[in-house]
PDBML (XML) file of the C-alpha atoms, coordinates in Angstrom:
<?xml version="1.0" encoding="UTF-8" ?>
<PDBx:datablock datablockName="MODEL"
   xmlns:PDBx="http://pdbml.pdb.org/schema/pdbx-v50.xsd"
   xmlns:xsi="http://www.w3.org/2001/XMLSchema-instance"
   xsi:schemaLocation="http://pdbml.pdb.org/schema/pdbx-v50.xsd pdbx-v50.xsd">
   <PDBx:atom_siteCategory>
      <PDBx:atom_site id="1">
         <PDBx:B_iso_or_equiv>0.00</PDBx:B_iso_or_equiv>
         <PDBx:Cartn_x>-0.359</PDBx:Cartn_x>
         <PDBx:Cartn_y>4.624</PDBx:Cartn_y>
         <PDBx:Cartn_z>-8.345</PDBx:Cartn_z>
         <PDBx:auth_asym_id>A</PDBx:auth_asym_id>
         <PDBx:auth_atom_id>CA</PDBx:auth_atom_id>
         <PDBx:auth_comp_id>ALA</PDBx:auth_comp_id>
         <PDBx:auth_seq_id>1</PDBx:auth_seq_id>
         <PDBx:group_PDB>ATOM</PDBx:group_PDB>
         <PDBx:label_alt_id xsi:nil="true" />
         <PDBx:label_asym_id>A</PDBx:label_asym_id>
         <PDBx:label_atom_id>CA</PDBx:label_atom_id>
         <PDBx:label_comp_id>ALA</PDBx:label_comp_id>
         <PDBx:label_entity_id>1</PDBx:label_entity_id>
         <PDBx:label_seq_id>1</PDBx:label_seq_id>
         <PDBx:occupancy>1.00</PDBx:occupancy>
         <PDBx:pdbx_PDB_model_num>1</PDBx:pdbx_PDB_model_num>
         <PDBx:type_symbol>C</PDBx:type_symbol>
      </PDBx:atom_site>
      <PDBx:atom_site id="2">
         <PDBx:B_iso_or_equiv>0.00</PDBx:B_iso_or_equiv>
         <PDBx:Cartn_x>1.983</PDBx:Cartn_x>
         <PDBx:Cartn_y>2.814</PDBx:Cartn_y>
         <PDBx:Cartn_z>-10.743</PDBx:Cartn_z>
         <PDBx:auth_asym_id>A</PDBx:auth_asym_id>
         <PDBx:auth_atom_id>CA</PDBx:auth_atom_id>
         <PDBx:auth_comp_id>ALA</PDBx:auth_comp_id>
         <PDBx:auth_seq_id>2</PDBx:auth_seq_id>
         <PDBx:group_PDB>ATOM</PDBx:group_PDB>
         <PDBx:label_alt_id xsi:nil="true" />
         <PDBx:label_asym_id>A</PDBx:label_asym_id>
         <PDBx:label_atom_id>CA</PDBx:label_atom_id>
         <PDBx:label_comp_id>ALA</PDBx:label_comp_id>
         <PDBx:label_entity_id>1</PDBx:label_entity_id>
         <PDBx:label_seq_id>2</PDBx:label_seq_id>
         <PDBx:occupancy>1.00</PDBx:occupancy>
         <PDBx:pdbx_PDB_model_num>1</PDBx:pdbx_PDB_model_num>
         <PDBx:type_symbol>C</PDBx:type_symbol>
      </PDBx:atom_site>
      <PDBx:atom_site id="3">
         <PDBx:B_iso_or_equiv>0.00</PDBx:B_iso_or_equiv>
         <PDBx:Cartn_x>1.397</PDBx:Cartn_x>
         <PDBx:Cartn_y>-0.589</PDBx:Cartn_y>
         <PDBx:Cartn_z>-9.148</PDBx:Cartn_z>
         <PDBx:auth_asym_id>A</PDBx:auth_asym_id>
         <PDBx:auth_atom_id>CA</PDBx:auth_atom_id>
         <PDBx:auth_comp_id>LEU</PDBx:auth_comp_id>
         <PDBx:auth_seq_id>3</PDBx:auth_seq_id>
         <PDBx:group_PDB>ATOM</PDBx:group_PDB>
         <PDBx:label_alt_id xsi:nil="true" />
         <PDBx:label_asym_id>A</PDBx:label_asym_id>
         <PDBx:label_atom_id>CA</PDBx:label_atom_id>
         <PDBx:label_comp_id>LEU</PDBx:label_comp_id>
         <PDBx:label_entity_id>1</PDBx:label_entity_id>
         <PDBx:label_seq_id>3</PDBx:label_seq_id>
         <PDBx:occupancy>1.00</PDBx:occupancy>
         <PDBx:pdbx_PDB_model_num>1</PDBx:pdbx_PDB_model_num>
         <PDBx:type_symbol>C</PDBx:type_symbol>
      </PDBx:atom_site>
      <PDBx:atom_site id="4">
         <PDBx:B_iso_or_equiv>0.00</PDBx:B_iso_or_equiv>
         <PDBx:Cartn_x>-2.416</PDBx:Cartn_x>
         <PDBx:Cartn_y>-0.387</PDBx:Cartn_y>
         <PDBx:Cartn_z>-9.248</PDBx:Cartn_z>
         <PDBx:auth_asym_id>A</PDBx:auth_asym_id>
         <PDBx:auth_atom_id>CA</PDBx:auth_atom_id>
         <PDBx:auth_comp_id>HIS</PDBx:auth_comp_id>
         <PDBx:auth_seq_id>4</PDBx:auth_seq_id>
         <PDBx:group_PDB>ATOM</PDBx:group_PDB>
         <PDBx:label_alt_id xsi:nil="true" />
         <PDBx:label_asym_id>A</PDBx:label_asym_id>
         <PDBx:label_atom_id>CA</PDBx:label_atom_id>
         <PDBx:label_comp_id>HIS</PDBx:label_comp_id>
         <PDBx:label_entity_id>1</PDBx:label_entity_id>
         <PDBx:label_seq_id>4</PDBx:label_seq_id>
         <PDBx:occupancy>1.00</PDBx:occupancy>
         <PDBx:pdbx_PDB_model_num>1</PDBx:pdbx_PDB_model_num>
         <PDBx:type_symbol>C</PDBx:type_symbol>
      </PDBx:atom_site>
      <PDBx:atom_site id="5">
         <PDBx:B_iso_or_equiv>0.00</PDBx:B_iso_or_equiv>
         <PDBx:Cartn_x>-4.816</PDBx:Cartn_x>
         <PDBx:Cartn_y>-0.059</PDBx:Cartn_y>
         <PDBx:Cartn_z>-12.144</PDBx:Cartn_z>
         <PDBx:auth_asym_id>A</PDBx:auth_asym_id>
         <PDBx:auth_atom_id>CA</PDBx:auth_atom_id>
         <PDBx:auth_comp_id>ASP</PDBx:auth_comp_id>
         <PDBx:auth_seq_id>5</PDBx:auth_seq_id>
         <PDBx:group_PDB>ATOM</PDBx:group_PDB>
         <PDBx:label_alt_id xsi:nil="true" />
         <PDBx:label_asym_id>A</PDBx:label_asym_id>
         <PDBx:label_atom_id>CA</PDBx:label_atom_id>
         <PDBx:label_comp_id>ASP</PDBx:label_comp_id>
         <PDBx:label_entity_id>1</PDBx:label_entity_id>
         <PDBx:label_seq_id>5</PDBx:label_seq_id>
         <PDBx:occupancy>1.00</PDBx:occupancy>
         <PDBx:pdbx_PDB_model_num>1</PDBx:pdbx_PDB_model_num>
         <PDBx:type_symbol>C</PDBx:type_symbol>
      </PDBx:atom_site>
      <PDBx:atom_site id="6">
         <PDBx:B_iso_or_equiv>0.00</PDBx:B_iso_or_equiv>
         <PDBx:Cartn_x>-7.447</PDBx:Cartn_x>
         <PDBx:Cartn_y>2.716</PDBx:Cartn_y>
         <PDBx:Cartn_z>-11.983</PDBx:Cartn_z>
         <PDBx:auth_asym_id>A</PDBx:auth_asym_id>
         <PDBx:auth_atom_id>CA</PDBx:auth_atom_id>
         <PDBx:auth_comp_id>PRO</PDBx:auth_comp_id>
         <PDBx:auth_seq_id>6</PDBx:auth_seq_id>
         <PDBx:group_PDB>ATOM</PDBx:group_PDB>
         <PDBx:label_alt_id xsi:nil="true" />
         <PDBx:label_asym_id>A</PDBx:label_asym_id>
         <PDBx:label_atom_id>CA</PDBx:label_atom_id>
         <PDBx:label_comp_id>PRO</PDBx:label_comp_id>
         <PDBx:label_entity_id>1</PDBx:label_entity_id>
         <PDBx:label_seq_id>6</PDBx:label_seq_id>
         <PDBx:occupancy>1.00</PDBx:occupancy>
         <PDBx:pdbx_PDB_model_num>1</PDBx:pdbx_PDB_model_num>
         <PDBx:type_symbol>C</PDBx:type_symbol>
      </PDBx:atom_site>
      <PDBx:atom_site id="7">
         <PDBx:B_iso_or_equiv>0.00</PDBx:B_iso_or_equiv>
         <PDBx:Cartn_x>-10.358</PDBx:Cartn_x>
         <PDBx:Cartn_y>1.449</PDBx:Cartn_y>
         <PDBx:Cartn_z>-9.884</PDBx:Cartn_z>
         <PDBx:auth_asym_id>A</PDBx:auth_asym_id>
         <PDBx:auth_atom_id>CA</PDBx:auth_atom_id>
         <PDBx:auth_comp_id>GLY</PDBx:auth_comp_id>
         <PDBx:auth_seq_id>7</PDBx:auth_seq_id>
         <PDBx:group_PDB>ATOM</PDBx:group_PDB>
         <PDBx:label_alt_id xsi:nil="true" />
         <PDBx:label_asym_id>A</PDBx:label_asym_id>
         <PDBx:label_atom_id>CA</PDBx:label_atom_id>
         <PDBx:label_comp_id>GLY</PDBx:label_comp_id>
         <PDBx:label_entity_id>1</PDBx:label_entity_id>
         <PDBx:label_seq_id>7</PDBx:label_seq_id>
         <PDBx:occupancy>1.00</PDBx:occupancy>
         <PDBx:pdbx_PDB_model_num>1</PDBx:pdbx_PDB_model_num>
         <PDBx:type_symbol>C</PDBx:type_symbol>
      </PDBx:atom_site>
      <PDBx:atom_site id="8">
         <PDBx:B_iso_or_equiv>0.00</PDBx:B_iso_or_equiv>
         <PDBx:Cartn_x>-8.306</PDBx:Cartn_x>
         <PDBx:Cartn_y>-1.313</PDBx:Cartn_y>
         <PDBx:Cartn_z>-8.275</PDBx:Cartn_z>
         <PDBx:auth_asym_id>A</PDBx:auth_asym_id>
         <PDBx:auth_atom_id>CA</PDBx:auth_atom_id>
         <PDBx:auth_comp_id>GLU</PDBx:auth_comp_id>
         <PDBx:auth_seq_id>8</PDBx:auth_seq_id>
         <PDBx:group_PDB>ATOM</PDBx:group_PDB>
         <PDBx:label_alt_id xsi:nil="true" />
         <PDBx:label_asym_id>A</PDBx:label_asym_id>
         <PDBx:label_atom_id>CA</PDBx:label_atom_id>
         <PDBx:label_comp_id>GLU</PDBx:label_comp_id>
         <PDBx:label_entity_id>1</PDBx:label_entity_id>
         <PDBx:label_seq_id>8</PDBx:label_seq_id>
         <PDBx:occupancy>1.00</PDBx:occupancy>
         <PDBx:pdbx_PDB_model_num>1</PDBx:pdbx_PDB_model_num>
         <PDBx:type_symbol>C</PDBx:type_symbol>
      </PDBx:atom_site>
      <PDBx:atom_site id="9">
         <PDBx:B_iso_or_equiv>0.00</PDBx:B_iso_or_equiv>
         <PDBx:Cartn_x>-8.616</PDBx:Cartn_x>
         <PDBx:Cartn_y>-1.405</PDBx:Cartn_y>
         <PDBx:Cartn_z>-4.471</PDBx:Cartn_z>
         <PDBx:auth_asym_id>A</PDBx:auth_asym_id>
         <PDBx:auth_atom_id>CA</PDBx:auth_atom_id>
         <PDBx:auth_comp_id>ILE</PDBx:auth_comp_id>
         <PDBx:auth_seq_id>9</PDBx:auth_seq_id>
         <PDBx:group_PDB>ATOM</PDBx:group_PDB>
         <PDBx:label_alt_id xsi:nil="true" />
         <PDBx:label_asym_id>A</PDBx:label_asym_id>
         <PDBx:label_atom_id>CA</PDBx:label_atom_id>
         <PDBx:label_comp_id>ILE</PDBx:label_comp_id>
         <PDBx:label_entity_id>1</PDBx:label_entity_id>
         <PDBx:label_seq_id>9</PDBx:label_seq_id>
         <PDBx:occupancy>1.00</PDBx:occupancy>
         <PDBx:pdbx_PDB_model_num>1</PDBx:pdbx_PDB_model_num>
         <PDBx:type_symbol>C</PDBx:type_symbol>
      </PDBx:atom_site>
      <PDBx:atom_site id="10">
         <PDBx:B_iso_or_equiv>0.00</PDBx:B_iso_or_equiv>
         <PDBx:Cartn_x>-5.394</PDBx:Cartn_x>
         <PDBx:Cartn_y>-0.525</PDBx:Cartn_y>
         <PDBx:Cartn_z>-2.683</PDBx:Cartn_z>
         <PDBx:auth_asym_id>A</PDBx:auth_asym_id>
         <PDBx:auth_atom_id>CA</PDBx:auth_atom_id>
         <PDBx:auth_comp_id>ILE</PDBx:auth_comp_id>
         <PDBx:auth_seq_id>10</PDBx:auth_seq_id>
         <PDBx:group_PDB>ATOM</PDBx:group_PDB>
         <PDBx:label_alt_id xsi:nil="true" />
         <PDBx:label_asym_id>A</PDBx:label_asym_id>
         <PDBx:label_atom_id>CA</PDBx:label_atom_id>
         <PDBx:label_comp_id>ILE</PDBx:label_comp_id>
         <PDBx:label_entity_id>1</PDBx:label_entity_id>
         <PDBx:label_seq_id>10</PDBx:label_seq_id>
         <PDBx:occupancy>1.00</PDBx:occupancy>
         <PDBx:pdbx_PDB_model_num>1</PDBx:pdbx_PDB_model_num>
         <PDBx:type_symbol>C</PDBx:type_symbol>
      </PDBx:atom_site>
      <PDBx:atom_site id="11">
         <PDBx:B_iso_or_equiv>0.00</PDBx:B_iso_or_equiv>
         <PDBx:Cartn_x>-4.905</PDBx:Cartn_x>
         <PDBx:Cartn_y>-2.695</PDBx:Cartn_y>
         <PDBx:Cartn_z>0.377</PDBx:Cartn_z>
         <PDBx:auth_asym_id>A</PDBx:auth_asym_id>
         <PDBx:auth_atom_id>CA</PDBx:auth_atom_id>
         <PDBx:auth_comp_id>ALA</PDBx:auth_comp_id>
         <PDBx:auth_seq_id>11</PDBx:auth_seq_id>
         <PDBx:group_PDB>ATOM</PDBx:group_PDB>
         <PDBx:label_alt_id xsi:nil="true" />
         <PDBx:label_asym_id>A</PDBx:label_asym_id>
         <PDBx:label_atom_id>CA</PDBx:label_atom_id>
         <PDBx:label_comp_id>ALA</PDBx:label_comp_id>
         <PDBx:label_entity_id>1</PDBx:label_entity_id>
         <PDBx:label_seq_id>11</PDBx:label_seq_id>
         <PDBx:occupancy>1.00</PDBx:occupancy>
         <PDBx:pdbx_PDB_model_num>1</PDBx:pdbx_PDB_model_num>
         <PDBx:type_symbol>C</PDBx:type_symbol>
      </PDBx:atom_site>
      <PDBx:atom_site id="12">
         <PDBx:B_iso_or_equiv>0.00</PDBx:B_iso_or_equiv>
         <PDBx:Cartn_x>-2.825</PDBx:Cartn_x>
         <PDBx:Cartn_y>-1.905</PDBx:Cartn_y>
         <PDBx:Cartn_z>3.442</PDBx:Cartn_z>
         <PDBx:auth_asym_id>A</PDBx:auth_asym_id>
         <PDBx:auth_atom_id>CA</PDBx:auth_atom_id>
         <PDBx:auth_comp_id>LEU</PDBx:auth_comp_id>
         <PDBx:auth_seq_id>12</PDBx:auth_seq_id>
         <PDBx:group_PDB>ATOM</PDBx:group_PDB>
         <PDBx:label_alt_id xsi:nil="true" />
         <PDBx:label_asym_id>A</PDBx:label_asym_id>
         <PDBx:label_atom_id>CA</PDBx:label_atom_id>
         <PDBx:label_comp_id>LEU</PDBx:label_comp_id>
         <PDBx:label_entity_id>1</PDBx:label_entity_id>
         <PDBx:label_seq_id>12</PDBx:label_seq_id>
         <PDBx:occupancy>1.00</PDBx:occupancy>
         <PDBx:pdbx_PDB_model_num>1</PDBx:pdbx_PDB_model_num>
         <PDBx:type_symbol>C</PDBx:type_symbol>
      </PDBx:atom_site>
      <PDBx:atom_site id="13">
         <PDBx:B_iso_or_equiv>0.00</PDBx:B_iso_or_equiv>
         <PDBx:Cartn_x>-0.478</PDBx:Cartn_x>
         <PDBx:Cartn_y>-4.744</PDBx:Cartn_y>
         <PDBx:Cartn_z>2.450</PDBx:Cartn_z>
         <PDBx:auth_asym_id>A</PDBx:auth_asym_id>
         <PDBx:auth_atom_id>CA</PDBx:auth_atom_id>
         <PDBx:auth_comp_id>THR</PDBx:auth_comp_id>
         <PDBx:auth_seq_id>13</PDBx:auth_seq_id>
         <PDBx:group_PDB>ATOM</PDBx:group_PDB>
         <PDBx:label_alt_id xsi:nil="true" />
         <PDBx:label_asym_id>A</PDBx:label_asym_id>
         <PDBx:label_atom_id>CA</PDBx:label_atom_id>
         <PDBx:label_comp_id>THR</PDBx:label_comp_id>
         <PDBx:label_entity_id>1</PDBx:label_entity_id>
         <PDBx:label_seq_id>13</PDBx:label_seq_id>
         <PDBx:occupancy>1.00</PDBx:occupancy>
         <PDBx:pdbx_PDB_model_num>1</PDBx:pdbx_PDB_model_num>
         <PDBx:type_symbol>C</PDBx:type_symbol>
      </PDBx:atom_site>
      <PDBx:atom_site id="14">
         <PDBx:B_iso_or_equiv>0.00</PDBx:B_iso_or_equiv>
         <PDBx:Cartn_x>0.417</PDBx:Cartn_x>
         <PDBx:Cartn_y>-2.811</PDBx:Cartn_y>
         <PDBx:Cartn_z>-0.714</PDBx:Cartn_z>
         <PDBx:auth_asym_id>A</PDBx:auth_asym_id>
         <PDBx:auth_atom_id>CA</PDBx:auth_atom_id>
         <PDBx:auth_comp_id>ALA</PDBx:auth_comp_id>
         <PDBx:auth_seq_id>14</PDBx:auth_seq_id>
         <PDBx:group_PDB>ATOM</PDBx:group_PDB>
         <PDBx:label_alt_id xsi:nil="true" />
         <PDBx:label_asym_id>A</PDBx:label_asym_id>
         <PDBx:label_atom_id>CA</PDBx:label_atom_id>
         <PDBx:label_comp_id>ALA</PDBx:label_comp_id>
         <PDBx:label_entity_id>1</PDBx:label_entity_id>
         <PDBx:label_seq_id>14</PDBx:label_seq_id>
         <PDBx:occupancy>1.00</PDBx:occupancy>
         <PDBx:pdbx_PDB_model_num>1</PDBx:pdbx_PDB_model_num>
         <PDBx:type_symbol>C</PDBx:type_symbol>
      </PDBx:atom_site>
      <PDBx:atom_site id="15">
         <PDBx:B_iso_or_equiv>0.00</PDBx:B_iso_or_equiv>
         <PDBx:Cartn_x>2.348</PDBx:Cartn_x>
         <PDBx:Cartn_y>-0.316</PDBx:Cartn_y>
         <PDBx:Cartn_z>1.424</PDBx:Cartn_z>
         <PDBx:auth_asym_id>A</PDBx:auth_asym_id>
         <PDBx:auth_atom_id>CA</PDBx:auth_atom_id>
         <PDBx:auth_comp_id>LEU</PDBx:auth_comp_id>
         <PDBx:auth_seq_id>15</PDBx:auth_seq_id>
         <PDBx:group_PDB>ATOM</PDBx:group_PDB>
         <PDBx:label_alt_id xsi:nil="true" />
         <PDBx:label_asym_id>A</PDBx:label_asym_id>
         <PDBx:label_atom_id>CA</PDBx:label_atom_id>
         <PDBx:label_comp_id>LEU</PDBx:label_comp_id>
         <PDBx:label_entity_id>1</PDBx:label_entity_id>
         <PDBx:label_seq_id>15</PDBx:label_seq_id>
         <PDBx:occupancy>1.00</PDBx:occupancy>
         <PDBx:pdbx_PDB_model_num>1</PDBx:pdbx_PDB_model_num>
         <PDBx:type_symbol>C</PDBx:type_symbol>
      </PDBx:atom_site>
      <PDBx:atom_site id="16">
         <PDBx:B_iso_or_equiv>0.00</PDBx:B_iso_or_equiv>
         <PDBx:Cartn_x>6.068</PDBx:Cartn_x>
         <PDBx:Cartn_y>-0.903</PDBx:Cartn_y>
         <PDBx:Cartn_z>2.045</PDBx:Cartn_z>
         <PDBx:auth_asym_id>A</PDBx:auth_asym_id>
         <PDBx:auth_atom_id>CA</PDBx:auth_atom_id>
         <PDBx:auth_comp_id>PRO</PDBx:auth_comp_id>
         <PDBx:auth_seq_id>16</PDBx:auth_seq_id>
         <PDBx:group_PDB>ATOM</PDBx:group_PDB>
         <PDBx:label_alt_id xsi:nil="true" />
         <PDBx:label_asym_id>A</PDBx:label_asym_id>
         <PDBx:label_atom_id>CA</PDBx:label_atom_id>
         <PDBx:label_comp_id>PRO</PDBx:label_comp_id>
         <PDBx:label_entity_id>1</PDBx:label_entity_id>
         <PDBx:label_seq_id>16</PDBx:label_seq_id>
         <PDBx:occupancy>1.00</PDBx:occupancy>
         <PDBx:pdbx_PDB_model_num>1</PDBx:pdbx_PDB_model_num>
         <PDBx:type_symbol>C</PDBx:type_symbol>
      </PDBx:atom_site>
      <PDBx:atom_site id="17">
         <PDBx:B_iso_or_equiv>0.00</PDBx:B_iso_or_equiv>
         <PDBx:Cartn_x>6.739</PDBx:Cartn_x>
         <PDBx:Cartn_y>-2.963</PDBx:Cartn_y>
         <PDBx:Cartn_z>5.171</PDBx:Cartn_z>
         <PDBx:auth_asym_id>A</PDBx:auth_asym_id>
         <PDBx:auth_atom_id>CA</PDBx:auth_atom_id>
         <PDBx:auth_comp_id>SER</PDBx:auth_comp_id>
         <PDBx:auth_seq_id>17</PDBx:auth_seq_id>
         <PDBx:group_PDB>ATOM</PDBx:group_PDB>
         <PDBx:label_alt_id xsi:nil="true" />
         <PDBx:label_asym_id>A</PDBx:label_asym_id>
         <PDBx:label_atom_id>CA</PDBx:label_atom_id>
         <PDBx:label_comp_id>SER</PDBx:label_comp_id>
         <PDBx:label_entity_id>1</PDBx:label_entity_id>
         <PDBx:label_seq_id>17</PDBx:label_seq_id>
         <PDBx:occupancy>1.00</PDBx:occupancy>
         <PDBx:pdbx_PDB_model_num>1</PDBx:pdbx_PDB_model_num>
         <PDBx:type_symbol>C</PDBx:type_symbol>
      </PDBx:atom_site>
      <PDBx:atom_site id="18">
         <PDBx:B_iso_or_equiv>0.00</PDBx:B_iso_or_equiv>
         <PDBx:Cartn_x>8.738</PDBx:Cartn_x>
         <PDBx:Cartn_y>-0.047</PDBx:Cartn_y>
         <PDBx:Cartn_z>6.601</PDBx:Cartn_z>
         <PDBx:auth_asym_id>A</PDBx:auth_asym_id>
         <PDBx:auth_atom_id>CA</PDBx:auth_atom_id>
         <PDBx:auth_comp_id>THR</PDBx:auth_comp_id>
         <PDBx:auth_seq_id>18</PDBx:auth_seq_id>
         <PDBx:group_PDB>ATOM</PDBx:group_PDB>
         <PDBx:label_alt_id xsi:nil="true" />
         <PDBx:label_asym_id>A</PDBx:label_asym_id>
         <PDBx:label_atom_id>CA</PDBx:label_atom_id>
         <PDBx:label_comp_id>THR</PDBx:label_comp_id>
         <PDBx:label_entity_id>1</PDBx:label_entity_id>
         <PDBx:label_seq_id>18</PDBx:label_seq_id>
         <PDBx:occupancy>1.00</PDBx:occupancy>
         <PDBx:pdbx_PDB_model_num>1</PDBx:pdbx_PDB_model_num>
         <PDBx:type_symbol>C</PDBx:type_symbol>
      </PDBx:atom_site>
      <PDBx:atom_site id="19">
         <PDBx:B_iso_or_equiv>0.00</PDBx:B_iso_or_equiv>
         <PDBx:Cartn_x>5.462</PDBx:Cartn_x>
         <PDBx:Cartn_y>1.897</PDBx:Cartn_y>
         <PDBx:Cartn_z>6.732</PDBx:Cartn_z>
         <PDBx:auth_asym_id>A</PDBx:auth_asym_id>
         <PDBx:auth_atom_id>CA</PDBx:auth_atom_id>
         <PDBx:auth_comp_id>ILE</PDBx:auth_comp_id>
         <PDBx:auth_seq_id>19</PDBx:auth_seq_id>
         <PDBx:group_PDB>ATOM</PDBx:group_PDB>
         <PDBx:label_alt_id xsi:nil="true" />
         <PDBx:label_asym_id>A</PDBx:label_asym_id>
         <PDBx:label_atom_id>CA</PDBx:label_atom_id>
         <PDBx:label_comp_id>ILE</PDBx:label_comp_id>
         <PDBx:label_entity_id>1</PDBx:label_entity_id>
         <PDBx:label_seq_id>19</PDBx:label_seq_id>
         <PDBx:occupancy>1.00</PDBx:occupancy>
         <PDBx:pdbx_PDB_model_num>1</PDBx:pdbx_PDB_model_num>
         <PDBx:type_symbol>C</PDBx:type_symbol>
      </PDBx:atom_site>
      <PDBx:atom_site id="20">
         <PDBx:B_iso_or_equiv>0.00</PDBx:B_iso_or_equiv>
         <PDBx:Cartn_x>3.092</PDBx:Cartn_x>
         <PDBx:Cartn_y>-0.903</PDBx:Cartn_y>
         <PDBx:Cartn_z>7.718</PDBx:Cartn_z>
         <PDBx:auth_asym_id>A</PDBx:auth_asym_id>
         <PDBx:auth_atom_id>CA</PDBx:auth_atom_id>
         <PDBx:auth_comp_id>VAL</PDBx:auth_comp_id>
         <PDBx:auth_seq_id>20</PDBx:auth_seq_id>
         <PDBx:group_PDB>ATOM</PDBx:group_PDB>
         <PDBx:label_alt_id xsi:nil="true" />
         <PDBx:label_asym_id>A</PDBx:label_asym_id>
         <PDBx:label_atom_id>CA</PDBx:label_atom_id>
         <PDBx:label_comp_id>VAL</PDBx:label_comp_id>
         <PDBx:label_entity_id>1</PDBx:label_entity_id>
         <PDBx:label_seq_id>20</PDBx:label_seq_id>
         <PDBx:occupancy>1.00</PDBx:occupancy>
         <PDBx:pdbx_PDB_model_num>1</PDBx:pdbx_PDB_model_num>
         <PDBx:type_symbol>C</PDBx:type_symbol>
      </PDBx:atom_site>
      <PDBx:atom_site id="21">
         <PDBx:B_iso_or_equiv>0.00</PDBx:B_iso_or_equiv>
         <PDBx:Cartn_x>5.298</PDBx:Cartn_x>
         <PDBx:Cartn_y>-2.078</PDBx:Cartn_y>
         <PDBx:Cartn_z>10.595</PDBx:Cartn_z>
         <PDBx:auth_asym_id>A</PDBx:auth_asym_id>
         <PDBx:auth_atom_id>CA</PDBx:auth_atom_id>
         <PDBx:auth_comp_id>ASP</PDBx:auth_comp_id>
         <PDBx:auth_seq_id>21</PDBx:auth_seq_id>
         <PDBx:group_PDB>ATOM</PDBx:group_PDB>
         <PDBx:label_alt_id xsi:nil="true" />
         <PDBx:label_asym_id>A</PDBx:label_asym_id>
         <PDBx:label_atom_id>CA</PDBx:label_atom_id>
         <PDBx:label_comp_id>ASP</PDBx:label_comp_id>
         <PDBx:label_entity_id>1</PDBx:label_entity_id>
         <PDBx:label_seq_id>21</PDBx:label_seq_id>
         <PDBx:occupancy>1.00</PDBx:occupancy>
         <PDBx:pdbx_PDB_model_num>1</PDBx:pdbx_PDB_model_num>
         <PDBx:type_symbol>C</PDBx:type_symbol>
      </PDBx:atom_site>
      <PDBx:atom_site id="22">
         <PDBx:B_iso_or_equiv>0.00</PDBx:B_iso_or_equiv>
         <PDBx:Cartn_x>6.449</PDBx:Cartn_x>
         <PDBx:Cartn_y>1.346</PDBx:Cartn_y>
         <PDBx:Cartn_z>11.800</PDBx:Cartn_z>
         <PDBx:auth_asym_id>A</PDBx:auth_asym_id>
         <PDBx:auth_atom_id>CA</PDBx:auth_atom_id>
         <PDBx:auth_comp_id>ALA</PDBx:auth_comp_id>
         <PDBx:auth_seq_id>22</PDBx:auth_seq_id>
         <PDBx:group_PDB>ATOM</PDBx:group_PDB>
         <PDBx:label_alt_id xsi:nil="true" />
         <PDBx:label_asym_id>A</PDBx:label_asym_id>
         <PDBx:label_atom_id>CA</PDBx:label_atom_id>
         <PDBx:label_comp_id>ALA</PDBx:label_comp_id>
         <PDBx:label_entity_id>1</PDBx:label_entity_id>
         <PDBx:label_seq_id>22</PDBx:label_seq_id>
         <PDBx:occupancy>1.00</PDBx:occupancy>
         <PDBx:pdbx_PDB_model_num>1</PDBx:pdbx_PDB_model_num>
         <PDBx:type_symbol>C</PDBx:type_symbol>
      </PDBx:atom_site>
      <PDBx:atom_site id="23">
         <PDBx:B_iso_or_equiv>0.00</PDBx:B_iso_or_equiv>
         <PDBx:Cartn_x>5.131</PDBx:Cartn_x>
         <PDBx:Cartn_y>2.925</PDBx:Cartn_y>
         <PDBx:Cartn_z>14.991</PDBx:Cartn_z>
         <PDBx:auth_asym_id>A</PDBx:auth_asym_id>
         <PDBx:auth_atom_id>CA</PDBx:auth_atom_id>
         <PDBx:auth_comp_id>ALA</PDBx:auth_comp_id>
         <PDBx:auth_seq_id>23</PDBx:auth_seq_id>
         <PDBx:group_PDB>ATOM</PDBx:group_PDB>
         <PDBx:label_alt_id xsi:nil="true" />
         <PDBx:label_asym_id>A</PDBx:label_asym_id>
         <PDBx:label_atom_id>CA</PDBx:label_atom_id>
         <PDBx:label_comp_id>ALA</PDBx:label_comp_id>
         <PDBx:label_entity_id>1</PDBx:label_entity_id>
         <PDBx:label_seq_id>23</PDBx:label_seq_id>
         <PDBx:occupancy>1.00</PDBx:occupancy>
         <PDBx:pdbx_PDB_model_num>1</PDBx:pdbx_PDB_model_num>
         <PDBx:type_symbol>C</PDBx:type_symbol>
      </PDBx:atom_site>
      <PDBx:atom_site id="24">
         <PDBx:B_iso_or_equiv>0.00</PDBx:B_iso_or_equiv>
         <PDBx:Cartn_x>2.797</PDBx:Cartn_x>
         <PDBx:Cartn_y>5.873</PDBx:Cartn_y>
         <PDBx:Cartn_z>14.295</PDBx:Cartn_z>
         <PDBx:auth_asym_id>A</PDBx:auth_asym_id>
         <PDBx:auth_atom_id>CA</PDBx:auth_atom_id>
         <PDBx:auth_comp_id>PRO</PDBx:auth_comp_id>
         <PDBx:auth_seq_id>24</PDBx:auth_seq_id>
         <PDBx:group_PDB>ATOM</PDBx:group_PDB>
         <PDBx:label_alt_id xsi:nil="true" />
         <PDBx:label_asym_id>A</PDBx:label_asym_id>
         <PDBx:label_atom_id>CA</PDBx:label_atom_id>
         <PDBx:label_comp_id>PRO</PDBx:label_comp_id>
         <PDBx:label_entity_id>1</PDBx:label_entity_id>
         <PDBx:label_seq_id>24</PDBx:label_seq_id>
         <PDBx:occupancy>1.00</PDBx:occupancy>
         <PDBx:pdbx_PDB_model_num>1</PDBx:pdbx_PDB_model_num>
         <PDBx:type_symbol>C</PDBx:type_symbol>
      </PDBx:atom_site>
   </PDBx:atom_siteCategory>
</PDBx:datablock>
């Protein structure tokens, strides 16, 4: 929330790499 302005699209790449690369 802090890194994105209201209305700005949040992409998957905005997530920490530890979450993006982790196994479900």
